[in-house]
Amino acid sequence: MQELGNAINESLSDSDRIAAAIGEIKRAGYDVFLVLEATIGFNKRDESAEEDSEGEVETEQPAAKPRFESTGKIKLTSQDHKFLKALKIAIDEEQR
């Protein structure tokens, strides 16, 4: 994982295009603060998954859908309601 992080950092540091863009921003009188976030996930391959005669990998059935239950109440502002509506997320009128 560390090696992958170092490789990503090096590729960004060595990029002429990124350096040019940052230089242009600095010449315009701005300080530059660049933060990039990368999420890298790892899953160990299941050794029991073997290829069949047609070259297809056997897969497990998807897990049952998780069920979420409310543990409390929250207060939503009008901005919260507008945001949720824009995302097409419905909320119970009782919870308002």
PDB file of N, CA and C in Angstrom:
ATOM      1  N   MET A   1       0.827  -1.192   0.000  1.00  0.00           N
ATOM      2  CA  MET A   1       0.000   0.000   0.000  1.00  0.00           C
ATOM      3  C   MET A   1       0.869   1.252   0.000  1.00  0.00           C
ATOM      4  N   GLN A   2       1.909   1.219   0.813  1.00  0.00           N
ATOM      5  CA  GLN A   2       2.817   2.373   0.890  1.00  0.00           C
ATOM      6  C   GLN A   2       3.449   2.646  -0.463  1.00  0.00           C
ATOM      7  N   GLU A   3       3.843   1.593  -1.156  1.00  0.00           N
ATOM      8  CA  GLU A   3       4.474   1.754  -2.472  1.00  0.00           C
ATOM      9  C   GLU A   3       3.500   2.386  -3.463  1.00  0.00           C
ATOM     10  N   LEU A   4       2.240   1.989  -3.402  1.00  0.00           N
ATOM     11  CA  LEU A   4       1.234   2.579  -4.283  1.00  0.00           C
ATOM     12  C   LEU A   4       1.059   4.062  -3.969  1.00  0.00           C
ATOM     13  N   GLY A   5       1.003   4.408  -2.689  1.00  0.00           N
ATOM     14  CA  GLY A   5       0.894   5.814  -2.299  1.00  0.00           C
ATOM     15  C   GLY A   5       2.078   6.630  -2.777  1.00  0.00           C
ATOM     16  N   ASN A   6       3.280   6.066  -2.644  1.00  0.00           N
ATOM     17  CA  ASN A   6       4.485   6.757  -3.123  1.00  0.00           C
ATOM     18  C   ASN A   6       4.448   6.949  -4.632  1.00  0.00           C
ATOM     19  N   ALA A   7       3.987   5.933  -5.355  1.00  0.00           N
ATOM     20  CA  ALA A   7       3.917   6.026  -6.819  1.00  0.00           C
ATOM     21  C   ALA A   7       2.938   7.114  -7.256  1.00  0.00           C
ATOM     22  N   ILE A   8       1.799   7.200  -6.583  1.00  0.00           N
ATOM     23  CA  ILE A   8       0.810   8.240  -6.913  1.00  0.00           C
ATOM     24  C   ILE A   8       1.391   9.620  -6.620  1.00  0.00           C
ATOM     25  N   ASN A   9       2.025   9.777  -5.468  1.00  0.00           N
ATOM     26  CA  ASN A   9       2.620  11.055  -5.089  1.00  0.00           C
ATOM     27  C   ASN A   9       3.697  11.474  -6.087  1.00  0.00           C
ATOM     28  N   GLU A  10       4.543  10.533  -6.472  1.00  0.00           N
ATOM     29  CA  GLU A  10       5.612  10.838  -7.443  1.00  0.00           C
ATOM     30  C   GLU A  10       5.038  11.260  -8.780  1.00  0.00           C
ATOM     31  N   SER A  11       4.013  10.549  -9.246  1.00  0.00           N
ATOM     32  CA  SER A  11       3.452  10.882 -10.558  1.00  0.00           C
ATOM     33  C   SER A  11       2.838  12.275 -10.555  1.00  0.00           C
ATOM     34  N   LEU A  12       2.232  12.670  -9.432  1.00  0.00           N
ATOM     35  CA  LEU A  12       1.670  14.020  -9.342  1.00  0.00           C
ATOM     36  C   LEU A  12       2.776  15.066  -9.251  1.00  0.00           C
ATOM     37  N   SER A  13       3.817  14.753  -8.487  1.00  0.00           N
ATOM     38  CA  SER A  13       4.930  15.694  -8.313  1.00  0.00           C
ATOM     39  C   SER A  13       5.697  15.912  -9.614  1.00  0.00           C
ATOM     40  N   ASP A  14       5.785  14.867 -10.425  1.00  0.00           N
ATOM     41  CA  ASP A  14       6.548  14.946 -11.668  1.00  0.00           C
ATOM     42  C   ASP A  14       5.737  15.466 -12.853  1.00  0.00           C
ATOM     43  N   SER A  15       4.473  15.748 -12.633  1.00  0.00           N
ATOM     44  CA  SER A  15       3.607  16.166 -13.725  1.00  0.00           C
ATOM     45  C   SER A  15       3.886  17.619 -14.120  1.00  0.00           C
ATOM     46  N   ASP A  16       4.320  17.808 -15.348  1.00  0.00           N
ATOM     47  CA  ASP A  16       4.560  19.162 -15.865  1.00  0.00           C
ATOM     48  C   ASP A  16       3.256  19.943 -15.966  1.00  0.00           C
ATOM     49  N   ARG A  17       2.191  19.251 -16.304  1.00  0.00           N
ATOM     50  CA  ARG A  17       0.892  19.919 -16.455  1.00  0.00           C
ATOM     51  C   ARG A  17       0.403  20.468 -15.115  1.00  0.00           C
ATOM     52  N   ILE A  18       0.540  19.670 -14.043  1.00  0.00           N
ATOM     53  CA  ILE A  18       0.122  20.129 -12.717  1.00  0.00           C
ATOM     54  C   ILE A  18       1.011  21.277 -12.261  1.00  0.00           C
ATOM     55  N   ALA A  19       2.313  21.147 -12.473  1.00  0.00           N
ATOM     56  CA  ALA A  19       3.244  22.205 -12.082  1.00  0.00           C
ATOM     57  C   ALA A  19       2.928  23.503 -12.820  1.00  0.00           C
ATOM     58  N   ALA A  20       2.591  23.404 -14.093  1.00  0.00           N
ATOM     59  CA  ALA A  20       2.266  24.596 -14.879  1.00  0.00           C
ATOM     60  C   ALA A  20       0.994  25.262 -14.358  1.00  0.00           C
ATOM     61  N   ALA A  21      -0.009  24.462 -14.035  1.00  0.00           N
ATOM     62  CA  ALA A  21      -1.269  25.019 -13.533  1.00  0.00           C
ATOM     63  C   ALA A  21      -1.061  25.696 -12.181  1.00  0.00           C
ATOM     64  N   ILE A  22      -0.282  25.067 -11.304  1.00  0.00           N
ATOM     65  CA  ILE A  22       0.003  25.665  -9.996  1.00  0.00           C
ATOM     66  C   ILE A  22       0.813  26.942 -10.165  1.00  0.00           C
ATOM     67  N   GLY A  23       1.776  26.931 -11.078  1.00  0.00           N
ATOM     68  CA  GLY A  23       2.579  28.125 -11.345  1.00  0.00           C
ATOM     69  C   GLY A  23       1.727  29.279 -11.834  1.00  0.00           C
ATOM     70  N   GLU A  24       0.767  28.977 -12.692  1.00  0.00           N
ATOM     71  CA  GLU A  24      -0.121  30.016 -13.221  1.00  0.00           C
ATOM     72  C   GLU A  24      -0.985  30.623 -12.108  1.00  0.00           C
ATOM     73  N   ILE A  25      -1.450  29.791 -11.205  1.00  0.00           N
ATOM     74  CA  ILE A  25      -2.251  30.281 -10.078  1.00  0.00           C
ATOM     75  C   ILE A  25      -1.401  31.174  -9.173  1.00  0.00           C
ATOM     76  N   LYS A  26      -0.168  30.748  -8.919  1.00  0.00           N
ATOM     77  CA  LYS A  26       0.729  31.544  -8.072  1.00  0.00           C
ATOM     78  C   LYS A  26       1.060  32.879  -8.723  1.00  0.00           C
ATOM     79  N   ARG A  27       1.285  32.878 -10.036  1.00  0.00           N
ATOM     80  CA  ARG A  27       1.582  34.136 -10.750  1.00  0.00           C
ATOM     81  C   ARG A  27       0.400  35.094 -10.709  1.00  0.00           C
ATOM     82  N   ALA A  28      -0.800  34.545 -10.557  1.00  0.00           N
ATOM     83  CA  ALA A  28      -1.997  35.390 -10.470  1.00  0.00           C
ATOM     84  C   ALA A  28      -2.158  35.964  -9.063  1.00  0.00           C
ATOM     85  N   GLY A  29      -1.235  35.614  -8.145  1.00  0.00           N
ATOM     86  CA  GLY A  29      -1.256  36.197  -6.814  1.00  0.00           C
ATOM     87  C   GLY A  29      -1.925  35.358  -5.739  1.00  0.00           C
ATOM     88  N   TYR A  30      -2.137  34.106  -6.021  1.00  0.00           N
ATOM     89  CA  TYR A  30      -2.788  33.238  -5.042  1.00  0.00           C
ATOM     90  C   TYR A  30      -1.790  32.254  -4.440  1.00  0.00           C
ATOM     91  N   ASP A  31      -2.014  31.908  -3.177  1.00  0.00           N
ATOM     92  CA  ASP A  31      -1.298  30.792  -2.574  1.00  0.00           C
ATOM     93  C   ASP A  31      -2.055  29.523  -2.949  1.00  0.00           C
ATOM     94  N   VAL A  32      -1.326  28.456  -3.165  1.00  0.00           N
ATOM     95  CA  VAL A  32      -1.964  27.207  -3.587  1.00  0.00           C
ATOM     96  C   VAL A  32      -1.853  26.177  -2.472  1.00  0.00           C
ATOM     97  N   PHE A  33      -2.972  25.600  -2.139  1.00  0.00           N
ATOM     98  CA  PHE A  33      -3.022  24.526  -1.165  1.00  0.00           C
ATOM     99  C   PHE A  33      -3.778  23.392  -1.825  1.00  0.00           C
ATOM    100  N   LEU A  34      -3.068  22.338  -2.180  1.00  0.00           N
ATOM    101  CA  LEU A  34      -3.656  21.238  -2.935  1.00  0.00           C
ATOM    102  C   LEU A  34      -3.762  20.005  -2.047  1.00  0.00           C
ATOM    103  N   VAL A  35      -4.976  19.518  -1.890  1.00  0.00           N
ATOM    104  CA  VAL A  35      -5.205  18.299  -1.122  1.00  0.00           C
ATOM    105  C   VAL A  35      -5.976  17.335  -2.019  1.00  0.00           C
ATOM    106  N   LEU A  36      -5.414  16.192  -2.232  1.00  0.00           N
ATOM    107  CA  LEU A  36      -6.093  15.154  -3.002  1.00  0.00           C
ATOM    108  C   LEU A  36      -6.342  13.970  -2.088  1.00  0.00           C
ATOM    109  N   GLU A  37      -7.511  13.404  -2.197  1.00  0.00           N
ATOM    110  CA  GLU A  37      -7.833  12.246  -1.371  1.00  0.00           C
ATOM    111  C   GLU A  37      -8.067  11.062  -2.283  1.00  0.00           C
ATOM    112  N   ALA A  38      -7.436   9.970  -1.968  1.00  0.00           N
ATOM    113  CA  ALA A  38      -7.630   8.741  -2.732  1.00  0.00           C
ATOM    114  C   ALA A  38      -8.091   7.656  -1.784  1.00  0.00           C
ATOM    115  N   THR A  39      -9.105   6.959  -2.189  1.00  0.00           N
ATOM    116  CA  THR A  39      -9.565   5.822  -1.414  1.00  0.00           C
ATOM    117  C   THR A  39      -9.157   4.574  -2.169  1.00  0.00           C
ATOM    118  N   ILE A  40      -8.356   3.763  -1.531  1.00  0.00           N
ATOM    119  CA  ILE A  40      -7.864   2.549  -2.162  1.00  0.00           C
ATOM    120  C   ILE A  40      -8.336   1.376  -1.326  1.00  0.00           C
ATOM    121  N   GLY A  41      -9.056   0.485  -1.940  1.00  0.00           N
ATOM    122  CA  GLY A  41      -9.579  -0.665  -1.211  1.00  0.00           C
ATOM    123  C   GLY A  41      -8.886  -1.941  -1.641  1.00  0.00           C
ATOM    124  N   PHE A  42      -8.738  -2.833  -0.706  1.00  0.00           N
ATOM    125  CA  PHE A  42      -8.134  -4.133  -0.977  1.00  0.00           C
ATOM    126  C   PHE A  42      -9.060  -5.220  -0.472  1.00  0.00           C
ATOM    127  N   ASN A  43      -9.263  -6.226  -1.277  1.00  0.00           N
ATOM    128  CA  ASN A  43     -10.002  -7.412  -0.856  1.00  0.00           C
ATOM    129  C   ASN A  43      -9.169  -8.624  -1.199  1.00  0.00           C
ATOM    130  N   LYS A  44      -8.944  -9.465  -0.252  1.00  0.00           N
ATOM    131  CA  LYS A  44      -8.209 -10.696  -0.487  1.00  0.00           C
ATOM    132  C   LYS A  44      -9.056 -11.579  -1.391  1.00  0.00           C
ATOM    133  N   ARG A  45      -8.461 -12.101  -2.458  1.00  0.00           N
ATOM    134  CA  ARG A  45      -9.186 -12.990  -3.356  1.00  0.00           C
ATOM    135  C   ARG A  45      -9.521 -14.281  -2.638  1.00  0.00           C
ATOM    136  N   ASP A  46     -10.711 -14.779  -2.885  1.00  0.00           N
ATOM    137  CA  ASP A  46     -11.147 -16.035  -2.297  1.00  0.00           C
ATOM    138  C   ASP A  46     -10.480 -17.169  -3.054  1.00  0.00           C
ATOM    139  N   GLU A  47      -9.652 -17.920  -2.380  1.00  0.00           N
ATOM    140  CA  GLU A  47      -8.915 -19.001  -3.036  1.00  0.00           C
ATOM    141  C   GLU A  47      -9.831 -20.133  -3.477  1.00  0.00           C
ATOM    142  N   SER A  48     -11.036 -20.217  -2.887  1.00  0.00           N
ATOM    143  CA  SER A  48     -11.941 -21.301  -3.256  1.00  0.00           C
ATOM    144  C   SER A  48     -12.675 -21.032  -4.562  1.00  0.00           C
ATOM    145  N   ALA A  49     -12.638 -19.781  -5.043  1.00  0.00           N
ATOM    146  CA  ALA A  49     -13.281 -19.464  -6.326  1.00  0.00           C
ATOM    147  C   ALA A  49     -12.372 -19.960  -7.434  1.00  0.00           C
ATOM    148  N   GLU A  50     -12.821 -20.992  -8.127  1.00  0.00           N
ATOM    149  CA  GLU A  50     -11.998 -21.584  -9.181  1.00  0.00           C
ATOM    150  C   GLU A  50     -12.690 -21.408 -10.509  1.00  0.00           C
ATOM    151  N   GLU A  51     -11.902 -21.390 -11.568  1.00  0.00           N
ATOM    152  CA  GLU A  51     -12.472 -21.264 -12.899  1.00  0.00           C
ATOM    153  C   GLU A  51     -13.082 -22.584 -13.327  1.00  0.00           C
ATOM    154  N   ASP A  52     -14.252 -22.503 -13.968  1.00  0.00           N
ATOM    155  CA  ASP A  52     -14.834 -23.726 -14.492  1.00  0.00           C
ATOM    156  C   ASP A  52     -14.304 -23.982 -15.896  1.00  0.00           C
ATOM    157  N   SER A  53     -14.847 -24.957 -16.566  1.00  0.00           N
ATOM    158  CA  SER A  53     -14.304 -25.355 -17.861  1.00  0.00           C
ATOM    159  C   SER A  53     -14.443 -24.280 -18.929  1.00  0.00           C
ATOM    160  N   GLU A  54     -15.382 -23.337 -18.783  1.00  0.00           N
ATOM    161  CA  GLU A  54     -15.561 -22.272 -19.763  1.00  0.00           C
ATOM    162  C   GLU A  54     -14.780 -21.021 -19.402  1.00  0.00           C
ATOM    163  N   GLY A  55     -14.004 -21.057 -18.341  1.00  0.00           N
ATOM    164  CA  GLY A  55     -13.191 -19.914 -17.960  1.00  0.00           C
ATOM    165  C   GLY A  55     -13.916 -18.894 -17.115  1.00  0.00           C
ATOM    166  N   GLU A  56     -15.157 -19.185 -16.703  1.00  0.00           N
ATOM    167  CA  GLU A  56     -15.898 -18.259 -15.858  1.00  0.00           C
ATOM    168  C   GLU A  56     -15.582 -18.548 -14.405  1.00  0.00           C
ATOM    169  N   VAL A  57     -15.504 -17.503 -13.596  1.00  0.00           N
ATOM    170  CA  VAL A  57     -15.216 -17.665 -12.177  1.00  0.00           C
ATOM    171  C   VAL A  57     -16.527 -17.844 -11.434  1.00  0.00           C
ATOM    172  N   GLU A  58     -16.574 -18.830 -10.548  1.00  0.00           N
ATOM    173  CA  GLU A  58     -17.766 -19.038  -9.737  1.00  0.00           C
ATOM    174  C   GLU A  58     -17.884 -17.881  -8.750  1.00  0.00           C
ATOM    175  N   THR A  59     -19.092 -17.371  -8.581  1.00  0.00           N
ATOM    176  CA  THR A  59     -19.296 -16.266  -7.652  1.00  0.00           C
ATOM    177  C   THR A  59     -20.325 -16.657  -6.609  1.00  0.00           C
ATOM    178  N   GLU A  60     -20.240 -16.020  -5.456  1.00  0.00           N
ATOM    179  CA  GLU A  60     -21.196 -16.260  -4.388  1.00  0.00           C
ATOM    180  C   GLU A  60     -22.438 -15.430  -4.641  1.00  0.00           C
ATOM    181  N   GLN A  61     -23.539 -15.848  -4.039  1.00  0.00           N
ATOM    182  CA  GLN A  61     -24.776 -15.084  -4.129  1.00  0.00           C
ATOM    183  C   GLN A  61     -24.609 -13.781  -3.357  1.00  0.00           C
ATOM    184  N   PRO A  62     -25.191 -12.675  -3.847  1.00  0.00           N
ATOM    185  CA  PRO A  62     -25.072 -11.406  -3.115  1.00  0.00           C
ATOM    186  C   PRO A  62     -25.719 -11.520  -1.742  1.00  0.00           C
ATOM    187  N   ALA A  63     -25.136 -10.800  -0.789  1.00  0.00           N
ATOM    188  CA  ALA A  63     -25.652 -10.809   0.573  1.00  0.00           C
ATOM    189  C   ALA A  63     -27.008 -10.123   0.611  1.00  0.00           C
ATOM    190  N   ALA A  64     -27.792 -10.462   1.611  1.00  0.00           N
ATOM    191  CA  ALA A  64     -29.097  -9.832   1.775  1.00  0.00           C
ATOM    192  C   ALA A  64     -28.913  -8.335   2.008  1.00  0.00           C
ATOM    193  N   LYS A  65     -29.889  -7.570   1.534  1.00  0.00           N
ATOM    194  CA  LYS A  65     -29.832  -6.124   1.687  1.00  0.00           C
ATOM    195  C   LYS A  65     -29.792  -5.749   3.164  1.00  0.00           C
ATOM    196  N   PRO A  66     -28.862  -4.854   3.554  1.00  0.00           N
ATOM    197  CA  PRO A  66     -28.829  -4.460   4.965  1.00  0.00           C
ATOM    198  C   PRO A  66     -30.081  -3.670   5.332  1.00  0.00           C
ATOM    199  N   ARG A  67     -30.515  -3.827   6.552  1.00  0.00           N
ATOM    200  CA  ARG A  67     -31.696  -3.104   7.027  1.00  0.00           C
ATOM    201  C   ARG A  67     -31.247  -2.054   8.037  1.00  0.00           C
ATOM    202  N   PHE A  68     -31.706  -0.835   7.827  1.00  0.00           N
ATOM    203  CA  PHE A  68     -31.331   0.258   8.710  1.00  0.00           C
ATOM    204  C   PHE A  68     -32.535   0.668   9.533  1.00  0.00           C
ATOM    205  N   GLU A  69     -32.287   0.894  10.799  1.00  0.00           N
ATOM    206  CA  GLU A  69     -33.349   1.331  11.685  1.00  0.00           C
ATOM    207  C   GLU A  69     -32.961   2.645  12.325  1.00  0.00           C
ATOM    208  N   SER A  70     -33.949   3.516  12.512  1.00  0.00           N
ATOM    209  CA  SER A  70     -33.715   4.807  13.131  1.00  0.00           C
ATOM    210  C   SER A  70     -33.400   4.631  14.608  1.00  0.00           C
ATOM    211  N   THR A  71     -32.386   5.353  15.062  1.00  0.00           N
ATOM    212  CA  THR A  71     -32.032   5.273  16.476  1.00  0.00           C
ATOM    213  C   THR A  71     -32.331   6.574  17.209  1.00  0.00           C
ATOM    214  N   GLY A  72     -32.863   7.538  16.509  1.00  0.00           N
ATOM    215  CA  GLY A  72     -33.148   8.815  17.152  1.00  0.00           C
ATOM    216  C   GLY A  72     -33.763   9.791  16.176  1.00  0.00           C
ATOM    217  N   LYS A  73     -33.923  11.005  16.617  1.00  0.00           N
ATOM    218  CA  LYS A  73     -34.500  12.041  15.770  1.00  0.00           C
ATOM    219  C   LYS A  73     -33.458  13.121  15.527  1.00  0.00           C
ATOM    220  N   ILE A  74     -33.553  13.740  14.369  1.00  0.00           N
ATOM    221  CA  ILE A  74     -32.687  14.866  14.043  1.00  0.00           C
ATOM    222  C   ILE A  74     -33.556  16.013  13.559  1.00  0.00           C
ATOM    223  N   LYS A  75     -33.048  17.219  13.716  1.00  0.00           N
ATOM    224  CA  LYS A  75     -33.746  18.390  13.215  1.00  0.00           C
ATOM    225  C   LYS A  75     -33.142  18.763  11.879  1.00  0.00           C
ATOM    226  N   LEU A  76     -33.993  18.944  10.885  1.00  0.00           N
ATOM    227  CA  LEU A  76     -33.545  19.328   9.559  1.00  0.00           C
ATOM    228  C   LEU A  76     -33.949  20.768   9.287  1.00  0.00           C
ATOM    229  N   THR A  77     -33.042  21.506   8.699  1.00  0.00           N
ATOM    230  CA  THR A  77     -33.339  22.886   8.319  1.00  0.00           C
ATOM    231  C   THR A  77     -34.010  22.888   6.953  1.00  0.00           C
ATOM    232  N   SER A  78     -34.486  24.046   6.543  1.00  0.00           N
ATOM    233  CA  SER A  78     -35.093  24.146   5.213  1.00  0.00           C
ATOM    234  C   SER A  78     -34.051  23.861   4.133  1.00  0.00           C
ATOM    235  N   GLN A  79     -32.793  24.231   4.392  1.00  0.00           N
ATOM    236  CA  GLN A  79     -31.722  23.923   3.443  1.00  0.00           C
ATOM    237  C   GLN A  79     -31.512  22.413   3.334  1.00  0.00           C
ATOM    238  N   ASP A  80     -31.600  21.718   4.476  1.00  0.00           N
ATOM    239  CA  ASP A  80     -31.482  20.257   4.465  1.00  0.00           C
ATOM    240  C   ASP A  80     -32.574  19.646   3.598  1.00  0.00           C
ATOM    241  N   HIS A  81     -33.808  20.136   3.762  1.00  0.00           N
ATOM    242  CA  HIS A  81     -34.928  19.620   2.982  1.00  0.00           C
ATOM    243  C   HIS A  81     -34.722  19.868   1.492  1.00  0.00           C
ATOM    244  N   LYS A  82     -34.263  21.065   1.132  1.00  0.00           N
ATOM    245  CA  LYS A  82     -34.011  21.384  -0.275  1.00  0.00           C
ATOM    246  C   LYS A  82     -32.934  20.482  -0.858  1.00  0.00           C
ATOM    247  N   PHE A  83     -31.883  20.255  -0.078  1.00  0.00           N
ATOM    248  CA  PHE A  83     -30.788  19.403  -0.530  1.00  0.00           C
ATOM    249  C   PHE A  83     -31.273  17.967  -0.759  1.00  0.00           C
ATOM    250  N   LEU A  84     -31.999  17.431   0.210  1.00  0.00           N
ATOM    251  CA  LEU A  84     -32.507  16.072   0.081  1.00  0.00           C
ATOM    252  C   LEU A  84     -33.476  15.952  -1.094  1.00  0.00           C
ATOM    253  N   LYS A  85     -34.312  16.972  -1.277  1.00  0.00           N
ATOM    254  CA  LYS A  85     -35.257  16.961  -2.390  1.00  0.00           C
ATOM    255  C   LYS A  85     -34.509  16.986  -3.723  1.00  0.00           C
ATOM    256  N   ALA A  86     -33.427  17.765  -3.802  1.00  0.00           N
ATOM    257  CA  ALA A  86     -32.633  17.815  -5.028  1.00  0.00           C
ATOM    258  C   ALA A  86     -32.007  16.456  -5.348  1.00  0.00           C
ATOM    259  N   LEU A  87     -31.713  15.691  -4.304  1.00  0.00           N
ATOM    260  CA  LEU A  87     -31.156  14.345  -4.491  1.00  0.00           C
ATOM    261  C   LEU A  87     -32.247  13.294  -4.656  1.00  0.00           C
ATOM    262  N   LYS A  88     -33.509  13.770  -4.661  1.00  0.00           N
ATOM    263  CA  LYS A  88     -34.675  12.894  -4.782  1.00  0.00           C
ATOM    264  C   LYS A  88     -34.736  11.886  -3.633  1.00  0.00           C
ATOM    265  N   ILE A  89     -34.456  12.388  -2.426  1.00  0.00           N
ATOM    266  CA  ILE A  89     -34.537  11.580  -1.215  1.00  0.00           C
ATOM    267  C   ILE A  89     -35.774  12.035  -0.446  1.00  0.00           C
ATOM    268  N   ALA A  90     -36.704  11.129  -0.265  1.00  0.00           N
ATOM    269  CA  ALA A  90     -37.933  11.446   0.450  1.00  0.00           C
ATOM    270  C   ALA A  90     -37.724  11.217   1.940  1.00  0.00           C
ATOM    271  N   ILE A  91     -38.370  12.066   2.732  1.00  0.00           N
ATOM    272  CA  ILE A  91     -38.309  11.885   4.187  1.00  0.00           C
ATOM    273  C   ILE A  91     -39.722  11.841   4.713  1.00  0.00           C
ATOM    274  N   ASP A  92     -39.891  11.159   5.856  1.00  0.00           N
ATOM    275  CA  ASP A  92     -41.199  11.087   6.497  1.00  0.00           C
ATOM    276  C   ASP A  92     -41.605  12.468   6.966  1.00  0.00           C
ATOM    277  N   GLU A  93     -42.825  12.833   6.730  1.00  0.00           N
ATOM    278  CA  GLU A  93     -43.315  14.119   7.210  1.00  0.00           C
ATOM    279  C   GLU A  93     -43.366  14.141   8.727  1.00  0.00           C
ATOM    280  N   GLU A  94     -43.535  12.975   9.363  1.00  0.00           N
ATOM    281  CA  GLU A  94     -43.569  12.892  10.823  1.00  0.00           C
ATOM    282  C   GLU A  94     -42.246  13.325  11.432  1.00  0.00           C
ATOM    283  N   GLN A  95     -41.157  13.081  10.739  1.00  0.00           N
ATOM    284  CA  GLN A  95     -39.838  13.370  11.281  1.00  0.00           C
ATOM    285  C   GLN A  95     -39.470  14.836  11.207  1.00  0.00           C
ATOM    286  N   ARG A  96     -40.288  15.629  10.541  1.00  0.00           N
ATOM    287  CA  ARG A  96     -40.009  17.061  10.422  1.00  0.00           C
ATOM    288  C   ARG A  96     -40.164  17.661  11.728  1.00  0.00           C
TER     289      ARG A  96
END
